């Protein structure tokens, strides 16, 4: 049996920018992309904590400290909103007991909190 599980999560990042006139995606700093184990162009689910909106898009690597909603996603959040960025993977059911996702907790400056 295959099970879909949380692979990566960036928890409570702050949206810093939005741009309607941009190729649709979410821009995430390279340090957070790496720390969360994400890949550029990987599909992610974004949950806006402020509005309750959830939407799918894909990752592009952006500038340090900045989380930017691009294209149509710019309608679903504004600067200052907190978002949770999640990616999923499928594993064999037998792996579930030992599997742990990469979870990155974020401070108000979009920096990882101390472990």
N, C-alpha and C. Protein backbone atom coordinates (compact mmCIF):
# COMPACT_ATOMS: atom_id res chain seq x y z
N UNK A 1 0.85 -1.18 0.00
CA UNK A 1 0.00 0.00 0.00
C UNK A 1 0.89 1.24 0.00
N UNK A 2 0.51 2.25 -0.78
CA UNK A 2 1.21 3.54 -0.84
C UNK A 2 0.39 4.56 -0.05
N UNK A 3 1.09 5.44 0.67
CA UNK A 3 0.44 6.44 1.50
C UNK A 3 1.04 7.81 1.16
N UNK A 4 0.18 8.81 0.99
CA UNK A 4 0.66 10.17 0.75
C UNK A 4 0.85 10.86 2.10
N UNK A 5 2.07 11.38 2.33
CA UNK A 5 2.41 12.01 3.61
C UNK A 5 3.05 13.38 3.37
N UNK A 6 3.04 14.18 4.41
CA UNK A 6 3.72 15.47 4.37
C UNK A 6 5.22 15.24 4.22
N UNK A 7 5.81 15.84 3.20
CA UNK A 7 7.25 15.72 2.96
C UNK A 7 8.00 16.90 3.56
N UNK A 8 7.47 18.11 3.32
CA UNK A 8 8.13 19.34 3.73
C UNK A 8 7.10 20.36 4.16
N UNK A 9 7.48 21.19 5.16
CA UNK A 9 6.58 22.26 5.56
C UNK A 9 7.40 23.45 6.03
N UNK A 10 7.06 24.62 5.49
CA UNK A 10 7.59 25.90 5.98
C UNK A 10 6.42 26.53 6.72
N UNK A 11 6.55 26.65 8.05
CA UNK A 11 5.42 26.99 8.91
C UNK A 11 5.42 28.45 9.33
N UNK A 12 4.38 29.17 8.93
CA UNK A 12 4.11 30.56 9.31
C UNK A 12 5.12 31.55 8.76
N UNK A 13 5.43 31.40 7.47
CA UNK A 13 6.23 32.41 6.78
C UNK A 13 5.36 33.64 6.57
N UNK A 14 5.98 34.80 6.46
CA UNK A 14 5.24 36.04 6.25
C UNK A 14 5.36 36.46 4.79
N UNK A 15 4.21 36.67 4.14
CA UNK A 15 4.21 37.16 2.76
C UNK A 15 4.78 38.58 2.78
N UNK A 16 5.77 38.82 1.94
CA UNK A 16 6.40 40.15 1.87
C UNK A 16 5.99 40.92 0.63
N UNK A 17 5.60 40.20 -0.43
CA UNK A 17 5.29 40.84 -1.71
C UNK A 17 4.26 40.00 -2.46
N UNK A 18 3.61 40.65 -3.41
CA UNK A 18 2.76 39.93 -4.37
C UNK A 18 2.84 40.66 -5.70
N UNK A 19 2.73 39.88 -6.77
CA UNK A 19 2.84 40.45 -8.11
C UNK A 19 1.89 39.71 -9.05
N UNK A 20 0.84 40.43 -9.49
CA UNK A 20 -0.11 39.82 -10.43
C UNK A 20 0.53 39.57 -11.79
N UNK A 21 1.37 40.48 -12.23
CA UNK A 21 1.96 40.40 -13.57
C UNK A 21 3.25 39.61 -13.55
N UNK A 22 3.11 38.35 -13.21
CA UNK A 22 4.27 37.49 -13.04
C UNK A 22 3.85 36.07 -13.34
N UNK A 23 4.78 35.27 -13.77
CA UNK A 23 4.52 33.84 -13.97
C UNK A 23 4.05 33.26 -12.64
N UNK A 24 2.95 32.56 -12.65
CA UNK A 24 2.35 32.06 -11.41
C UNK A 24 3.25 31.15 -10.62
N UNK A 25 3.35 31.42 -9.32
CA UNK A 25 4.20 30.61 -8.45
C UNK A 25 4.28 31.26 -7.09
N UNK A 26 5.08 30.68 -6.21
CA UNK A 26 5.44 31.31 -4.95
C UNK A 26 6.96 31.37 -4.90
N UNK A 27 7.49 32.55 -4.67
CA UNK A 27 8.94 32.73 -4.54
C UNK A 27 9.33 32.52 -3.09
N UNK A 28 10.31 31.64 -2.88
CA UNK A 28 10.78 31.28 -1.55
C UNK A 28 12.30 31.46 -1.53
N UNK A 29 12.85 32.00 -0.43
CA UNK A 29 14.31 32.16 -0.35
C UNK A 29 15.05 30.84 -0.53
N UNK A 30 16.22 30.89 -1.18
CA UNK A 30 16.97 29.65 -1.42
C UNK A 30 17.32 28.90 -0.14
N UNK A 31 17.62 29.61 0.94
CA UNK A 31 17.97 28.93 2.19
C UNK A 31 16.80 28.13 2.74
N UNK A 32 15.57 28.65 2.59
CA UNK A 32 14.39 27.92 3.07
C UNK A 32 14.04 26.76 2.14
N UNK A 33 14.20 26.97 0.83
CA UNK A 33 13.97 25.88 -0.12
C UNK A 33 14.86 24.70 0.23
N UNK A 34 16.13 24.99 0.46
CA UNK A 34 17.08 23.92 0.79
C UNK A 34 16.76 23.29 2.14
N UNK A 35 16.53 24.11 3.14
CA UNK A 35 16.29 23.59 4.49
C UNK A 35 15.05 22.71 4.55
N UNK A 36 14.02 23.07 3.79
CA UNK A 36 12.78 22.29 3.77
C UNK A 36 12.86 21.07 2.86
N UNK A 37 13.91 20.99 2.06
CA UNK A 37 14.03 19.86 1.14
C UNK A 37 13.12 19.98 -0.06
N UNK A 38 12.82 21.21 -0.46
CA UNK A 38 12.00 21.45 -1.64
C UNK A 38 12.87 21.54 -2.88
N UNK A 39 12.23 21.50 -4.04
CA UNK A 39 12.93 21.66 -5.32
C UNK A 39 12.24 22.77 -6.10
N UNK A 40 13.03 23.49 -6.88
CA UNK A 40 12.42 24.51 -7.73
C UNK A 40 11.45 23.83 -8.69
N UNK A 41 10.30 24.43 -8.87
CA UNK A 41 9.19 23.96 -9.71
C UNK A 41 8.38 22.83 -9.07
N UNK A 42 8.69 22.48 -7.83
CA UNK A 42 7.92 21.46 -7.14
C UNK A 42 6.54 22.01 -6.76
N UNK A 43 5.53 21.18 -6.90
CA UNK A 43 4.17 21.55 -6.53
C UNK A 43 4.06 21.67 -5.01
N UNK A 44 3.41 22.75 -4.55
CA UNK A 44 3.18 22.95 -3.12
C UNK A 44 1.73 23.38 -2.89
N UNK A 45 1.26 23.08 -1.69
CA UNK A 45 -0.02 23.57 -1.21
C UNK A 45 0.30 24.69 -0.23
N UNK A 46 -0.33 25.85 -0.44
CA UNK A 46 -0.12 27.00 0.42
C UNK A 46 -1.41 27.28 1.18
N UNK A 47 -1.31 27.37 2.50
CA UNK A 47 -2.45 27.70 3.34
C UNK A 47 -2.21 29.10 3.92
N UNK A 48 -3.14 30.02 3.64
CA UNK A 48 -3.04 31.37 4.18
C UNK A 48 -3.71 31.37 5.55
N UNK A 49 -2.93 31.55 6.60
CA UNK A 49 -3.44 31.51 7.97
C UNK A 49 -4.43 32.65 8.21
N UNK A 50 -4.21 33.81 7.61
CA UNK A 50 -5.05 34.98 7.83
C UNK A 50 -6.44 34.85 7.19
N UNK A 51 -6.49 34.26 5.99
CA UNK A 51 -7.75 34.24 5.24
C UNK A 51 -8.40 32.86 5.18
N UNK A 52 -7.62 31.82 5.42
CA UNK A 52 -8.14 30.46 5.27
C UNK A 52 -8.05 29.93 3.86
N UNK A 53 -7.63 30.74 2.89
CA UNK A 53 -7.47 30.25 1.52
C UNK A 53 -6.38 29.19 1.47
N UNK A 54 -6.62 28.19 0.63
CA UNK A 54 -5.62 27.17 0.31
C UNK A 54 -5.52 27.11 -1.20
N UNK A 55 -4.30 27.04 -1.70
CA UNK A 55 -4.12 26.97 -3.16
C UNK A 55 -2.84 26.22 -3.49
N UNK A 56 -2.85 25.61 -4.68
CA UNK A 56 -1.67 24.91 -5.17
C UNK A 56 -0.94 25.80 -6.15
N UNK A 57 0.37 25.73 -6.12
CA UNK A 57 1.22 26.43 -7.06
C UNK A 57 2.55 25.68 -7.10
N UNK A 58 3.60 26.32 -7.55
CA UNK A 58 4.90 25.68 -7.56
C UNK A 58 5.96 26.65 -7.07
N UNK A 59 7.06 26.08 -6.63
CA UNK A 59 8.15 26.83 -6.02
C UNK A 59 9.06 27.44 -7.08
N UNK A 60 9.41 28.71 -6.89
CA UNK A 60 10.56 29.27 -7.59
C UNK A 60 11.46 29.87 -6.52
N UNK A 61 12.74 29.83 -6.77
CA UNK A 61 13.70 30.37 -5.82
C UNK A 61 13.73 31.88 -5.95
N UNK A 62 13.56 32.56 -4.82
CA UNK A 62 13.53 34.02 -4.80
C UNK A 62 14.67 34.60 -4.00
N UNK A 63 14.41 35.74 -3.39
CA UNK A 63 15.42 36.47 -2.62
C UNK A 63 15.32 36.11 -1.14
N UNK A 64 16.45 36.16 -0.45
CA UNK A 64 16.48 35.88 0.98
C UNK A 64 15.52 36.80 1.73
N UNK A 65 14.80 36.23 2.67
CA UNK A 65 13.90 36.99 3.52
C UNK A 65 12.55 37.33 2.92
N UNK A 66 12.36 36.98 1.64
CA UNK A 66 11.13 37.38 0.95
C UNK A 66 10.30 36.17 0.53
N UNK A 67 9.02 36.24 0.80
CA UNK A 67 8.04 35.26 0.33
C UNK A 67 7.08 36.04 -0.56
N UNK A 68 7.05 35.70 -1.84
CA UNK A 68 6.23 36.47 -2.79
C UNK A 68 5.22 35.58 -3.48
N UNK A 69 3.96 36.01 -3.47
CA UNK A 69 2.90 35.34 -4.21
C UNK A 69 2.84 35.96 -5.60
N UNK A 70 2.83 35.11 -6.62
CA UNK A 70 2.91 35.59 -8.00
C UNK A 70 1.73 35.11 -8.82
N UNK A 71 1.41 35.89 -9.85
CA UNK A 71 0.33 35.52 -10.75
C UNK A 71 -1.00 35.47 -10.02
N UNK A 72 -1.84 34.51 -10.37
CA UNK A 72 -3.17 34.40 -9.78
C UNK A 72 -3.11 34.23 -8.26
N UNK A 73 -2.05 33.61 -7.76
CA UNK A 73 -1.91 33.42 -6.31
C UNK A 73 -1.83 34.75 -5.56
N UNK A 74 -1.43 35.81 -6.25
CA UNK A 74 -1.35 37.14 -5.62
C UNK A 74 -2.71 37.62 -5.14
N UNK A 75 -3.78 37.08 -5.70
CA UNK A 75 -5.13 37.43 -5.24
C UNK A 75 -5.48 36.77 -3.91
N UNK A 76 -4.69 35.77 -3.50
CA UNK A 76 -5.04 34.95 -2.34
C UNK A 76 -4.23 35.28 -1.10
N UNK A 77 -3.47 36.35 -1.14
CA UNK A 77 -2.71 36.78 0.02
C UNK A 77 -2.11 38.15 -0.21
N UNK A 78 -1.77 38.80 0.87
CA UNK A 78 -1.18 40.14 0.76
C UNK A 78 -0.01 40.23 1.74
N UNK A 79 0.87 41.20 1.53
CA UNK A 79 1.99 41.36 2.47
C UNK A 79 1.50 41.43 3.91
N UNK A 80 2.19 40.70 4.76
CA UNK A 80 1.83 40.61 6.17
C UNK A 80 1.09 39.34 6.53
N UNK A 81 0.45 38.69 5.55
CA UNK A 81 -0.25 37.43 5.81
C UNK A 81 0.76 36.34 6.17
N UNK A 82 0.34 35.46 7.06
CA UNK A 82 1.14 34.27 7.42
C UNK A 82 0.68 33.11 6.56
N UNK A 83 1.64 32.36 6.03
CA UNK A 83 1.32 31.21 5.19
C UNK A 83 2.08 29.98 5.67
N UNK A 84 1.48 28.83 5.37
CA UNK A 84 2.12 27.54 5.59
C UNK A 84 2.29 26.91 4.22
N UNK A 85 3.51 26.54 3.89
CA UNK A 85 3.84 26.00 2.57
C UNK A 85 4.16 24.52 2.75
N UNK A 86 3.40 23.65 2.06
CA UNK A 86 3.53 22.21 2.26
C UNK A 86 3.74 21.46 0.95
N UNK A 87 4.58 20.44 1.01
CA UNK A 87 4.78 19.53 -0.12
C UNK A 87 4.56 18.11 0.37
N UNK A 88 4.17 17.25 -0.53
CA UNK A 88 3.78 15.88 -0.18
C UNK A 88 4.63 14.88 -0.96
N UNK A 89 4.68 13.67 -0.45
CA UNK A 89 5.32 12.58 -1.17
C UNK A 89 4.52 11.31 -0.91
N UNK A 90 4.76 10.31 -1.69
CA UNK A 90 4.11 9.01 -1.51
C UNK A 90 5.16 8.01 -1.08
N UNK A 91 4.86 7.30 0.01
CA UNK A 91 5.79 6.29 0.52
C UNK A 91 5.06 4.97 0.71
N UNK A 92 5.83 3.93 0.85
CA UNK A 92 5.25 2.63 1.16
C UNK A 92 4.70 2.68 2.58
N UNK A 93 3.54 2.09 2.80
CA UNK A 93 2.90 2.10 4.11
C UNK A 93 3.79 1.62 5.24
N UNK A 94 4.69 0.70 4.95
CA UNK A 94 5.60 0.17 5.97
C UNK A 94 6.59 1.23 6.46
N UNK A 95 6.82 2.27 5.66
CA UNK A 95 7.76 3.33 6.04
C UNK A 95 7.13 4.37 6.97
N UNK A 96 5.82 4.37 7.10
CA UNK A 96 5.12 5.42 7.84
C UNK A 96 5.59 5.57 9.28
N UNK A 97 5.86 4.48 9.97
CA UNK A 97 6.21 4.54 11.38
C UNK A 97 7.52 5.30 11.61
N UNK A 98 8.44 5.25 10.66
CA UNK A 98 9.73 5.90 10.85
C UNK A 98 9.89 7.19 10.04
N UNK A 99 8.93 7.51 9.20
CA UNK A 99 9.07 8.69 8.33
C UNK A 99 8.84 9.98 9.12
N UNK A 100 9.70 10.96 8.89
CA UNK A 100 9.55 12.29 9.49
C UNK A 100 9.69 13.35 8.40
N UNK A 101 8.76 14.28 8.32
CA UNK A 101 8.88 15.35 7.32
C UNK A 101 9.90 16.40 7.74
N UNK A 102 10.36 17.18 6.78
CA UNK A 102 11.21 18.35 7.06
C UNK A 102 10.28 19.50 7.42
N UNK A 103 10.29 19.93 8.67
CA UNK A 103 9.45 21.03 9.13
C UNK A 103 10.35 22.18 9.53
N UNK A 104 10.13 23.34 8.91
CA UNK A 104 10.91 24.53 9.21
C UNK A 104 9.98 25.57 9.81
N UNK A 105 10.20 25.90 11.09
CA UNK A 105 9.42 26.92 11.78
C UNK A 105 10.07 28.27 11.52
N UNK A 106 9.24 29.27 11.17
CA UNK A 106 9.75 30.55 10.69
C UNK A 106 9.40 31.66 11.68
N UNK A 107 10.34 32.62 11.85
CA UNK A 107 10.05 33.78 12.68
C UNK A 107 9.43 34.90 11.82
N UNK A 108 9.18 36.05 12.40
CA UNK A 108 8.51 37.15 11.69
C UNK A 108 9.36 37.77 10.58
N UNK A 109 10.67 37.47 10.57
CA UNK A 109 11.57 37.98 9.54
C UNK A 109 11.87 36.92 8.48
N UNK A 110 11.06 35.87 8.43
CA UNK A 110 11.23 34.76 7.48
C UNK A 110 12.57 34.06 7.64
N UNK A 111 13.02 33.96 8.88
CA UNK A 111 14.22 33.23 9.20
C UNK A 111 13.83 32.01 10.02
N UNK A 112 14.54 30.89 9.84
CA UNK A 112 14.22 29.71 10.65
C UNK A 112 14.42 29.99 12.13
N UNK A 113 13.49 29.52 12.93
CA UNK A 113 13.65 29.62 14.38
C UNK A 113 14.72 28.65 14.83
N UNK A 114 15.37 28.95 15.93
CA UNK A 114 16.41 28.06 16.46
C UNK A 114 15.81 26.70 16.78
N UNK A 115 16.55 25.65 16.46
CA UNK A 115 16.09 24.29 16.71
C UNK A 115 16.11 23.98 18.19
